[in-house]
């Protein structure tokens, strides 16, 4: 199983875990998003979290 298949198989688990912690609109960026990942690549997640958002 490659990283893309693994992420797809874990998609719902990732989204549920994020929601449990107040995060939503989860995105992947970096080499995996560009489909340039290799054996040394990590997974870069971007998330929104309204619980920690504020305006000054």
C-alpha atoms as a PDB file:
ATOM      1  CA  UNK A   1       0.000   0.000   0.000  1.00  0.00           C
ATOM      2  CA  UNK A   2       1.472   3.359  -0.971  1.00  0.00           C
ATOM      3  CA  UNK A   3       1.002   6.645   0.928  1.00  0.00           C
ATOM      4  CA  UNK A   4      -1.867   7.755  -1.306  1.00  0.00           C
ATOM      5  CA  UNK A   5      -3.787   4.512  -0.718  1.00  0.00           C
ATOM      6  CA  UNK A   6      -3.056   4.691   3.007  1.00  0.00           C
ATOM      7  CA  UNK A   7      -4.370   8.246   3.288  1.00  0.00           C
ATOM      8  CA  UNK A   8      -7.505   7.320   1.352  1.00  0.00           C
ATOM      9  CA  UNK A   9      -8.116   4.316   3.618  1.00  0.00           C
ATOM     10  CA  UNK A  10      -7.657   6.504   6.741  1.00  0.00           C
ATOM     11  CA  UNK A  11      -9.601   9.527   5.444  1.00  0.00           C
ATOM     12  CA  UNK A  12     -12.670   9.163   7.673  1.00  0.00           C
ATOM     13  CA  UNK A  13     -10.548   8.386  10.731  1.00  0.00           C
ATOM     14  CA  UNK A  14      -8.433  11.499  10.106  1.00  0.00           C
ATOM     15  CA  UNK A  15     -11.505  13.708   9.642  1.00  0.00           C
ATOM     16  CA  UNK A  16     -13.215  12.320  12.759  1.00  0.00           C
ATOM     17  CA  UNK A  17     -10.101  12.851  14.855  1.00  0.00           C
ATOM     18  CA  UNK A  18      -9.754  16.407  13.574  1.00  0.00           C
ATOM     19  CA  UNK A  19     -13.411  17.191  14.294  1.00  0.00           C
ATOM     20  CA  UNK A  20     -13.025  15.803  17.817  1.00  0.00           C
ATOM     21  CA  UNK A  21     -10.382  18.480  18.395  1.00  0.00           C
ATOM     22  CA  UNK A  22     -12.369  21.316  16.800  1.00  0.00           C
ATOM     23  CA  UNK A  23     -10.523  21.285  13.478  1.00  0.00           C
ATOM     24  CA  UNK A  24     -12.249  21.272  10.129  1.00  0.00           C
ATOM     25  CA  UNK A  25     -11.554  21.915   6.443  1.00  0.00           C
ATOM     26  CA  UNK A  26      -8.541  19.584   6.605  1.00  0.00           C
ATOM     27  CA  UNK A  27      -6.189  19.842   3.620  1.00  0.00           C
ATOM     28  CA  UNK A  28      -2.982  18.107   2.609  1.00  0.00           C
ATOM     29  CA  UNK A  29      -0.201  20.170   1.072  1.00  0.00           C
ATOM     30  CA  UNK A  30       3.413  19.671   0.099  1.00  0.00           C
ATOM     31  CA  UNK A  31       4.938  16.783  -1.815  1.00  0.00           C
ATOM     32  CA  UNK A  32       2.002  14.453  -1.223  1.00  0.00           C
ATOM     33  CA  UNK A  33      -0.496  16.981  -2.568  1.00  0.00           C
ATOM     34  CA  UNK A  34       1.740  17.481  -5.603  1.00  0.00           C
ATOM     35  CA  UNK A  35       1.990  13.672  -5.972  1.00  0.00           C
ATOM     36  CA  UNK A  36       5.779  13.904  -5.658  1.00  0.00           C
ATOM     37  CA  UNK A  37       6.129  11.950  -2.400  1.00  0.00           C
ATOM     38  CA  UNK A  38       8.896   9.427  -1.852  1.00  0.00           C
ATOM     39  CA  UNK A  39       9.816   7.070   0.983  1.00  0.00           C
ATOM     40  CA  UNK A  40      11.174   9.987   3.060  1.00  0.00           C
ATOM     41  CA  UNK A  41       8.140  12.266   2.677  1.00  0.00           C
ATOM     42  CA  UNK A  42       5.953  13.256   5.583  1.00  0.00           C
ATOM     43  CA  UNK A  43       2.289  14.264   5.496  1.00  0.00           C
ATOM     44  CA  UNK A  44       1.619  17.996   5.802  1.00  0.00           C
ATOM     45  CA  UNK A  45      -1.870  18.861   7.065  1.00  0.00           C
ATOM     46  CA  UNK A  46      -3.493  22.295   7.068  1.00  0.00           C
ATOM     47  CA  UNK A  47      -6.523  22.744   9.298  1.00  0.00           C
ATOM     48  CA  UNK A  48      -8.889  25.444  10.468  1.00  0.00           C
ATOM     49  CA  UNK A  49      -9.713  25.608  14.164  1.00  0.00           C
ATOM     50  CA  UNK A  50     -12.294  28.174  15.237  1.00  0.00           C
ATOM     51  CA  UNK A  51     -11.751  27.432  18.913  1.00  0.00           C
ATOM     52  CA  UNK A  52      -8.328  29.035  18.666  1.00  0.00           C
ATOM     53  CA  UNK A  53      -9.180  31.771  16.166  1.00  0.00           C
ATOM     54  CA  UNK A  54      -9.380  35.381  17.298  1.00  0.00           C
ATOM     55  CA  UNK A  55      -9.390  38.904  15.953  1.00  0.00           C
ATOM     56  CA  UNK A  56      -7.317  41.743  17.349  1.00  0.00           C
END
